[in-house]
Every structure is written in structure tokens, then in C-alpha cells.
Amino acid sequence: MAEAGCSNERLTNGELNEKEKDLDDGTEEKKEFVAPAVGMEFESYDDAYNYYNCYAKEVGFRVRVKNSWFKRNSREKYGAVLCCSSQGFKRIKDVNRLRKETRTGCPAMVRMRLADSKRWRVLEVMLEHNHSLGAKIYRPVKKVSTGNKRKSLSSSDAEGRTIKLYRALVIDSEGNGNSSLKARDVMNFSELPDQLNLKRGDAQAIYNYFCRMQLTNPNFFYLMDLNDEGHLRNVFWVDARSRASCGYFGDVIYIDSTYLSSKFEIPLVAFVGTNHHSQSVLLGCGLLAGETTESYIWLFKAWITCMSGCSPQTIITDRCRTLQIAIAEAFPRAHHCFGLSHIMKRVPEKLGGLRHYDAIKKAFMKAVYDTLKVIEFEVAWGFMVQRFGVGDHEWLQSLYEDRVRWAPVYLKDTVFAGMSAARPGEILNPFFERYVHKQTPLKEFLDKYELALQKKHKEETIADIESRSIGPALKTRCSFELQLSKLYSKEIFKKFQFEVEEMYSCFSTTQIHVDGPNIIFLVKERVLGESNRREIRDFEVLYNRSAGEVRCICSCFNFYGYLCRHALCVLNFNGVEEIPCKYILQRWKKDYKRLYIPDHSSNDVDSTDHMQWFSQLYRSALQVVEEGVISLEHYSVALEAFEESLNRVREVEEKQA
């Protein structure tokens, strides 16, 4: 069914050019109406009928009901075919010679059926007509009697809403609608007239791209939000590998709305994570009509639906009140933080016009990066405000009010998996940084999207091969370095190795306080201070031998996912030769994907959920694929295993026949 639905939308290059030429002849740029497609779902038959009727008016034809099917006992309607009014031919005896024949045997139609979800799903679509289409059709105004006015008004009001829709076009890899979103969950958008600012051909390009991906990319998912006029308002999509990546690396995500907030040509929002090589991975994309709470909530709930309820621990975004409200609604359990690098990037813009800017910036950075305790931050901030008289500066005031969401000193218990940007100079790079500029058109972006993903996947594959086949060179005799050199990927180990090397800049480890099993140590370190002068800084480290716990006040482990030099010094001081298991994160291991298959417990399989089966089988198969590209021998074994598995599955089918 997916093929049938998509093939109707395919155009040859000549047809596409001719179509675009015709569209360009118009002087006024108009918004496109999304055509019916296999997989569309509606809350009721009336909603489906209203939608197709609205589409017909926009295109220029009229609709009639060709067939309807009812259950015998309840007389409940469970199927219908809506067609063009020119469908079929009149019987000879019914022909009125005084009226011109209008039926041409037109094949345009939609066939729909009541699904198990109790929503009406489109199963078959024919968009082509065999006759010329008229201009947009609008119902003529009829004279009504006084007695019929009230009824007519309510009917008009219902038609004005047009699509009291399930409000989404959902198509999974098999062409079937699959979503647990409810209309009430996605909010009521009736008061929002917004729609995507698309150029001529953009809506068709999106639809054609999704149809192609649906047929060529297993487990591809997309969702389209329509406004009451049937125009595109918001779009979400995610490819198969990104869905699989979310199972591995969905614990911390960065929602990049830079393109939307900076008014790029494409209003893009990207969900980005970080993999076991500290590379950015795409976890989904969306196009939004505007920066509204409702649009963001729709996007986030679409993402949650597609990711089978995956709930990240930490979400990083730009500092935006609208995003803050939407995330609190959609991800109530996640820790929402503002990206520090975004804030630091705005410092010149927001403070550059102030007198003594350089001194203010220096004091600001000292408060942000050099404080280890909340009281130190408060004192440093107060000093900056008082000394430079910026207490009434609006941006600084609002920053201070939001400090618990962005200042590192307040976020020490938050897991960031290396995406904190808690050190000077660290930034969160946009996933499509080198592929999208401010004027990149949507059609060009869809091409670059695939190129970007291919490049990222290639980089990850190369990093996997290097991590498994090339052992890192050790730089010290420390047992911690040797231990993690066997476990971590090349890039993560290199970062940890630097901490091991820097243990030698820590020259003193002293016990200063004992509280039951908890012992507080003071570690002194020589660090580079102002004018590159060496300074001595004190770091407090809590150690509990019985619990195998070690926590440094710098909170390197939560920010970056590995122990810092100060914690390593305390372990070494206490004769510990191996890092406790709780401080060796699975997500950094070189064979992480081989060891961990998310949501793969056979005990939790729903006996009726075909999409759950598909997702789990796909993740398992993808794991074999990623292992199979390591070498020719790996490839041969993987291919043989696939062929054997396919034969065994077919044997089951033959037994049941």
C-alpha cells in the first residue's frame, strides 16, 4: 500500500520542470495544500470526509461517496471510498438529454477504513484525474429561511474548522499509520493560523522525499501537522539509524533551534546527541511554522512517539522561555538546562556597548568558570554588579534569575555526557553547521541532509574500526590508564588519558575531614591563571571506600563522563589500583553497541504490536551490519548469518501453511 500511495506522487524530471514552470508563472506565491496519502489518520469518518472535501475544493473538483460498508449488527460504518464526482458513467436510462454529461470515468479516489485504533486510516489513494480541473470551488451562498438559520450557522461553523483532524500524517516503514498521539495531547491549534513559509514546490519536495525514504529506509518515520485549512504547519521526521541511535545515546540531547530563532530560510529544529566517540549524532529533525509553545510541544510529543517513549535525563537548549514551557510539558522528568556556549556567544552583543566592557567580561567569566561553590559564584556575581554598576542591566538580571539552568556551579548533579561546554572555549556545534547557511532553500537542504548523515555515519564507522583494531599508546605507568585503554573508544580514552597525565600537576593530597565512612580530601593543583602564571587551587574530594564512591567538587564525572585528576589522585593515595565500576560508563566503551541492545527484552514484547517487533528486529540487524563492515571476513560471516536466518524464518511460514 505504501508503494501505491507514493508512486502517484512521483514526477519525471521533465514533468517536474514543467510543473515548476507553471507555478512560477503566477505573480503571487501561494501556500500548497497537502495531498491525501496512504497512512493519513483521522479521528472520525466526518473528519476524513471534511479533509478530502477541503482538498477537492482547493484542487478544483467535487466529491461524492462511491461506496460505504457497515457492520451487520450495529450498522456502524467501517469503510468507505470517496471519489471525484466525475467518476464512472451514467446508465443510459438515467441520462438527461437536457443536461450535459459530466462523468468521465475519473479514477481519482481515496479508500479508507476504520482501524484497530478506532481512527479512520487512508489505505489507497489515486490523485490523477482524466479531465480538466476547475478553479477553486467554493460553496455558493444559499437563501435560507428563518427556521433554518440556526442549523445553517452551526454547519458553517463546523465547515470553517474544516479538519477537526487527528492533525497528523503518520507513515511508518510499512505504510501504516502508527502513533499513540491523541488530538488532545498535541494541543488545540485552532487559534494559531501559522503555517510553514514554503516556496512553490517545497511541499511537494517534502512529500516526495518522505515517500522515497519510506520505501528505501527501513523504519523511517515522519509526521506532518496540518492547520485547519489543510496546509502544512509543522513537520517531523527521523531516519532508521537515528532512531536506533536514540536507543543508545538518547540519555542527553541537545535541541538545536538556532536555524529557527535566527530566521534561516529553513525553520529547522534538530535533536542531537553524542555517541561513544564524542561525535554528534542526529536523533530527529523538524520544521516549525514559528517559535510557539504549541508548535514545540507538538514536535516534542512527535519525537517521544517515534522513539517509543524514550525519555532523556538531560535536555540542553538555547535560553528561551517558550522552549522552557514546552519542555516542562513534554519532558516533565528531564533536567532542562540552557546551553552555556550560547550564552557566552551573546556576551559581546549584550554587553559590548557598556563602559569598561573588557573588565566586565573578565569578571563575568571569572564568576562562571572559576567558582567551585555556590557561595563563591554569588560573591563573584555580586562583586561584578556592584563594581561596574550593572545591577539594572536587563540581560544580566534575567541571566541571574535563570542561573540554576546554566551556571556550572548549580549543575554539578546533572549528567551531561560531555555536552556541558562547562570550560572556556567549549561550544555546542550545530549538526548541519557546514551544510546549511542562512539562505539555503528547503529543496537543497533535503539533498544536503542525506550527505551530512552519510558523512557522520562514515566517521562513526571509521572510529569504530580504529578503536577496535589499534591499541592506544600509553604515556604513564598509571594502572588507571592501562585499565581504560582496554575499554574506552579512542577519542574518549584520549580525554581521560589527559586527566591521568595532569595528575602530576597535583602535588598534595591531604585528609581534612572525616564524617563516618565519608572522608574529605584536599587536593592542591598548579593551574594556569591570569597572564599564564601558575596558581595553586584547592579541590575538595569526597571518598567512601566501602561504597566505592569518589566525588570531586569540580564534578568532571557528571559534566564529561570520566573521573578527573583530583579524584584519581585520591584513589591512588588510598591504594586503589582500579577505577570502581560505577565510574566506567558503558556508553563510552569501544564495543558499546555490541554489548548493549536497547529495549530488546523478549519478556516485554507486546504480542500485538508489530511496530515494536520491527524496531527490535531492526536494531538487532543493524548491530550485525555495523559489525559486518569491519573486514571482508566479518562481511562474509554476517551475510551468511542473514541468509541462514531468512531460511529459518521461511521454514516457520511453511509449517504454518
Foldseek 3Di string as FASTA:
>chain_A
DLCQQQVLLDDDPVRVVVVVVVQVVDPDWDFDFQDDGFAFKWLDPVLVVLNVQLVCLQFAFHKDWDDWDADDPPRHTFWTKIATPLADFDDPVPDDPVDDGRHDNFPFIWIWGQDPVRIIGTHHGHHDTPDDGDHRDDDDDDDDDPVCVVVVVVVVVVSQLRRPGQFKRKQWLVSHHDFPDGSVQLPDCQVPPFAAPAGPPLSSLVSSLQSVLSPVFHGKIKMFGAGSSNGTAKIKIDTLVLLQVCLQFVQEWEWEQPLLVVQFQFRKIWIWTAFLLRDIDTNIMMTHRHLALSRLLNHLSSSCGSNVNDAHQEYEYADDPSNVVSCCSRRVNHQYAYAQQNVLVCLCVQQVPAPVSVVLNVLVCCLQQVDLAPVSNVVSLVCSCVVRVCPPRVVVVVCVVRVCRQRVNNCLVAAHQQRRLSHPPDDDDDLCNVPGDRHDHSSSVSVVVVVSNVVSVVVLLVQLLCQVPPQDDQDDPALALVVCSQWFGPNLSVVVSVQQVQLVQWDDWAFDDDDPQKTKIKIWGFDQDPPRDTDIDIKIWIDGVVVLDIAISSSCCRNHQADGSNSVNVCVVVVNRYRDPVSHDLRRTSCSLVVDRGPQDPVPDDPPDVSSVSSSVVSVLVSLVSQQVSDVVSVVVSVVVVVVVVVVVVVVVVVVD
